[in-house]
Structures are given as structure tokens and as C-alpha cells.
Protein backbone atom coordinates (compact mmCIF):
# COMPACT_ATOMS: atom_id res chain seq x y z
CA MET A 1 8.36 -2.92 -4.71
CA GLU A 2 10.82 -2.07 -7.76
CA LEU A 3 13.59 0.71 -8.10
CA LYS A 4 12.87 3.20 -10.03
CA TYR A 5 13.66 6.69 -9.75
CA VAL A 6 11.52 10.01 -7.87
CA GLY A 7 13.71 12.88 -7.05
CA PRO A 8 15.48 14.82 -4.84
CA LYS A 9 15.19 15.13 -0.85
CA PRO A 10 11.61 16.84 -0.40
CA ILE A 11 11.26 19.58 2.47
CA ILE A 12 7.19 19.12 3.90
CA SER A 13 5.95 22.06 5.41
CA HIS A 14 2.41 23.33 6.27
CA THR A 15 3.18 25.95 4.21
CA GLY A 16 4.28 23.76 0.68
CA ILE A 17 6.90 21.24 -0.15
CA GLU A 18 10.07 22.34 -1.57
CA PHE A 19 13.09 20.37 -2.95
CA ASP A 20 17.20 20.02 -2.16
CA ASN A 21 18.55 19.37 -5.24
CA ASN A 22 21.80 19.24 -3.02
CA LYS A 23 20.51 15.42 -1.76
CA GLU A 24 19.93 13.84 -5.07
CA ASP A 25 17.88 10.56 -5.35
CA LYS A 26 20.21 7.55 -4.89
CA TYR A 27 18.83 5.93 -7.73
CA VAL A 28 20.81 8.01 -10.01
CA TYR A 29 24.20 6.18 -8.75
CA LEU A 30 23.04 2.78 -8.93
CA ASN A 31 23.64 2.58 -12.49
CA ILE A 32 27.39 3.40 -12.45
CA VAL A 33 28.21 1.34 -8.89
CA VAL A 34 26.40 -1.97 -11.35
CA GLN A 35 29.31 -0.38 -13.92
CA LEU A 36 32.05 -0.61 -11.06
CA LEU A 37 31.13 -3.85 -9.68
CA LYS A 38 30.55 -5.74 -12.89
CA ALA A 39 34.29 -4.19 -13.89
CA LEU A 40 36.19 -4.89 -10.99
CA ASP A 41 34.67 -8.95 -10.40
CA HIS A 42 36.98 -11.01 -11.96
CA ASP A 43 40.46 -12.69 -11.32
CA TYR A 44 43.43 -10.29 -10.34
CA PHE A 45 47.02 -11.09 -10.68
CA GLU A 46 49.41 -9.18 -8.37
CA ASP A 47 51.24 -6.07 -9.89
CA ARG A 48 49.06 -6.23 -12.89
CA THR A 49 46.47 -2.78 -14.05
CA TYR A 50 43.20 -3.92 -15.55
CA ASN A 51 41.72 -1.27 -17.83
CA TYR A 52 38.01 -1.44 -18.83
CA GLN A 53 35.72 1.06 -20.95
CA ALA A 54 32.91 2.76 -18.92
CA GLN A 55 29.57 1.87 -20.50
CA THR A 56 27.18 4.52 -21.20
CA GLN A 57 23.86 3.20 -21.80
CA ARG A 58 21.59 3.14 -18.50
CA LEU A 59 20.37 0.16 -17.30
CA SER A 60 16.48 -0.26 -17.32
CA PRO A 61 15.06 -0.48 -13.38
CA ASP A 62 14.88 -4.23 -13.77
CA GLU A 63 18.05 -4.96 -15.31
CA LEU A 64 19.30 -3.07 -12.48
CA TYR A 65 17.27 -5.01 -10.11
CA ASN A 66 18.82 -8.44 -12.07
CA GLU A 67 22.78 -6.97 -11.69
CA LEU A 68 21.95 -5.74 -7.68
CA LYS A 69 20.47 -9.00 -6.73
CA LYS A 70 24.19 -10.87 -7.79
CA GLN A 71 25.31 -8.88 -5.28
CA CYS A 72 22.99 -8.23 -2.78
CA PRO A 73 21.20 -11.67 -2.77
CA ASN A 74 18.68 -10.37 -0.25
CA ILE A 75 17.40 -7.16 -1.97
CA LYS A 76 13.82 -8.02 -2.06
CA ALA A 77 13.75 -8.86 2.41
CA LEU A 78 16.10 -5.09 2.42
CA MET A 79 13.08 -3.06 0.41
CA GLU A 80 10.39 -4.75 2.43
CA GLN A 81 12.13 -4.02 5.86
CA GLU A 82 12.67 -0.73 4.79
CA ASN A 83 9.43 -0.18 2.99
CA HIS A 84 8.57 -1.64 6.75
CA ASN A 85 11.24 1.47 8.20
CA ILE A 86 9.84 4.25 5.98
CA GLU A 87 6.39 3.35 6.98
CA GLU A 88 6.48 4.21 9.90
CA GLU A 89 8.20 6.88 10.13
CA ILE A 90 5.89 8.28 8.00
CA GLU A 91 3.23 7.52 10.17
CA HIS A 92 4.99 8.69 13.07
CA ASN A 93 5.66 12.53 11.76
CA LEU A 94 1.89 12.15 11.07
CA GLN A 95 1.73 11.88 14.48
CA ARG A 96 3.88 14.64 15.24
CA ALA A 97 2.11 16.94 13.05
CA GLU A 98 -1.13 16.31 14.25
CA GLU A 99 0.25 16.93 18.05
CA ASN A 100 1.88 19.84 17.39
CA SER A 101 1.00 22.51 19.56
CA VAL A 102 2.45 25.48 17.52
CA LEU A 103 0.42 25.59 14.45
CA ASN A 104 -3.30 25.97 14.02
CA GLU A 105 -5.72 23.71 13.34
CA GLU A 106 -5.68 24.34 9.75
CA ASN A 107 -1.84 24.81 9.15
CA ARG A 108 -1.36 21.13 11.00
CA GLU A 109 -4.18 19.62 8.62
CA VAL A 110 -2.04 20.79 5.66
CA LEU A 111 1.08 19.33 6.80
CA GLN A 112 -0.40 16.22 7.54
CA SER A 113 -2.29 16.90 3.36
CA ASN A 114 1.38 17.49 2.24
CA ILE A 115 3.32 14.60 4.01
CA ASN A 116 0.58 12.23 2.42
CA ILE A 117 1.21 13.64 -1.16
CA MET A 118 4.58 13.18 -0.66
CA HIS A 119 4.25 8.67 0.97
CA ASP A 120 5.07 7.28 -2.19
CA TYR A 121 7.98 9.54 -3.40
CA LEU A 122 9.36 8.99 0.85
CA VAL A 123 8.51 5.11 0.37
CA GLN A 124 10.56 4.79 -3.56
CA ARG A 125 13.61 7.42 -2.46
CA SER A 126 13.73 5.08 1.26
CA ILE A 127 14.45 1.94 -0.58
CA ASN A 128 16.77 3.51 -3.60
CA LYS A 129 18.97 5.16 -1.04
CA THR A 130 18.89 1.51 1.01
CA ILE A 131 19.85 -0.42 -2.33
CA TYR A 132 22.71 2.01 -3.01
CA TYR A 133 24.16 1.54 0.40
CA CYS A 134 23.85 -2.20 0.12
CA ALA A 135 25.56 -2.11 -3.56
CA ILE A 136 27.91 0.32 -1.84
CA ASP A 137 28.84 -2.24 0.68
CA ALA A 138 29.69 -5.50 -1.75
CA LEU A 139 31.63 -2.97 -4.01
CA ALA A 140 34.04 -2.01 -0.87
CA GLU A 141 33.78 -5.80 -0.26
CA LEU A 142 34.99 -6.78 -3.47
CA LEU A 143 37.78 -4.89 -3.33
CA LYS A 144 38.75 -5.97 0.04
CA LYS A 145 38.16 -9.27 -0.91
CA ASP A 146 40.51 -9.20 -4.40
CA HIS A 147 43.04 -6.52 -2.41
CA ILE A 148 42.51 -3.99 -5.28
CA ASP A 149 45.05 -1.44 -4.61
CA HIS A 150 43.40 1.45 -6.70
CA VAL A 151 40.65 2.40 -8.51
CA ILE A 152 40.64 5.24 -11.46
CA THR A 153 37.24 6.85 -13.14
CA PRO A 154 36.16 10.23 -15.06
CA MET A 155 35.96 13.04 -12.93
CA PHE A 156 32.47 12.96 -13.85
CA GLN A 157 29.81 13.75 -10.38
CA THR A 158 28.09 10.39 -10.44
CA PHE A 159 31.70 8.76 -9.88
CA SER A 160 33.55 10.74 -7.72
CA HIS A 161 29.81 10.20 -5.67
CA VAL A 162 30.02 6.58 -5.51
CA LEU A 163 33.53 6.45 -4.58
CA HIS A 164 32.84 8.26 -2.31
CA SER A 165 31.03 6.28 -0.49
CA VAL A 166 33.27 3.27 -1.24
CA GLN A 167 35.53 5.69 1.09
CA GLY A 168 33.07 5.71 3.64
CA SER A 169 32.38 1.68 3.67
CA LEU A 170 36.10 0.30 4.33
CA LYS A 171 36.37 3.12 6.96
CA LYS A 172 33.54 1.23 8.93
CA GLN A 173 34.88 -2.02 8.33
CA LYS A 174 35.49 -3.70 11.62
CA SER A 175 39.18 -3.28 11.01
CA PRO A 176 38.91 -0.17 9.05
CA ILE A 177 40.73 0.35 5.60
CA ASP A 178 42.55 3.89 5.14
CA THR A 179 41.50 5.29 1.43
CA SER A 180 42.60 8.34 -0.44
CA LEU A 181 40.52 10.16 -2.86
CA ASP A 182 42.54 12.75 -5.30
CA VAL A 183 41.82 14.11 -8.49
CA PHE A 184 43.94 14.40 -11.38
CA GLU A 185 44.53 14.89 -15.33
CA LYS A 186 46.02 12.68 -17.53
CA ASN A 187 45.98 13.46 -21.64
CA GLY A 188 43.79 16.91 -21.07
CA LYS A 189 41.07 14.73 -19.33
CA LEU A 190 40.05 14.80 -15.42
CA LEU A 191 40.44 11.87 -13.66
CA VAL A 192 39.68 10.36 -9.77
CA LYS A 193 42.06 7.80 -8.29
CA LEU A 194 40.19 5.99 -4.93
CA GLN A 195 43.60 4.55 -3.50
CA VAL A 196 43.15 1.49 -0.71
CA ILE A 197 45.14 1.53 1.39
CA ASN A 198 45.81 -2.41 0.98
CA THR A 199 47.52 -5.88 0.52
CA LYS A 200 48.30 -5.15 -3.26
CA LYS A 201 47.37 -6.82 -5.84
CA GLY A 202 46.40 -4.85 -9.00
CA GLY A 203 44.32 -1.61 -10.41
CA SER A 204 41.77 -0.78 -11.91
CA PHE A 205 41.60 2.30 -14.70
CA LEU A 206 37.75 2.66 -15.92
CA SER A 207 38.06 5.20 -19.09
């Protein structure tokens, strides 16, 4: 098993296979999560703001795996467990297709065939999603542990998506942490700021 890009969410039916481009593969965000983890994982001094140059170079799948393993030491076990889970889900969907009383036999066979065609795609996409949320939880934990009160990044879709996911992770903590996500302009550039209602210690700005 490995990390690699496959594509947006597939919509599988007896009439064919379509893709929902609004539900992108979580793999595309892993590079951003790693950038944020590397930038924020260091000692902080109270009331100080730290600035970082966001790297544009994309990491290879192996490099991503090695970086993510530092934050998710059980990454291999997570991938194996998710592989098991999605295999069971695919088998369940194949069984449902076979037992579908609305479709005729030919359409049932086409549906099963389409599910089988997308087997590897579905498995990989599910593994990518699981590792993405492991990394997001690690990032949220870092913000909480180091009492980082805000993070500002460029207003790119990838960054804002990741920060929104971090919001969700902080909200589901045993003691939920309030956050806000705001877009603003500075020196002609659009930026997005994740404000964490936490004990203030410092902030981070990625440019």
C-alpha cells in the first residue's frame, strides 16, 4: 500500500461511471498539511509571530509518506485497517447490486462490473482520506499543545480547505476549541486566518 493520487469521487451506477469534481481526492491536500506541520512544529515564545515561506515544491509520494509517518507513527496500520474496511464496503455494494430487485439481470451485471472496475480507485481514495484526517488531527493537536493562537496562509483553495478541516478537528476535541476562519486583504494579497480561541502563546504566518 502507498499514497498516490487517483481522482475525484466516483459516482457508480448501472449506466456508467461519473466523477464529482467537487469531491476531490484528499491526496491533493497532503502536501499542504505537511508544509503546515513542518512550519509549526518548533518551540514558541509568548506573543511572538513567526513567519515562514510556504514551499511550492511538491513532495513525491514516498517523501509525503516519510513526513507523515513522523506525525502519524501508526500510518501503516491505519492504511491496512482502511484497506480492510473499504474492501468490506465494496463487497457489500457488490452484494447489494446482485440483490437489486429494481434492475434487470443485465443492468445488475453492468453495475457489478462498474464497481469492480473502480475497485483499486476506491481503495486508494479511501486510504488517502484516512491518512489526510490523521495528519489533520496531528496538526490540530499541535495548535492546541503549543497554544498557537492563529495561523495565516495565502488564500488558496488548498490552504483554506486544510484550515477548515483543522477547524473540524478542534471542534470534535473532548473539550471543543472554538475557532474562526476569516479572509482579508493585506498589501494587495488575499489571506486566510484561522483564529484559535486558545491560551495565547504565539502566531504563525505562511507566505
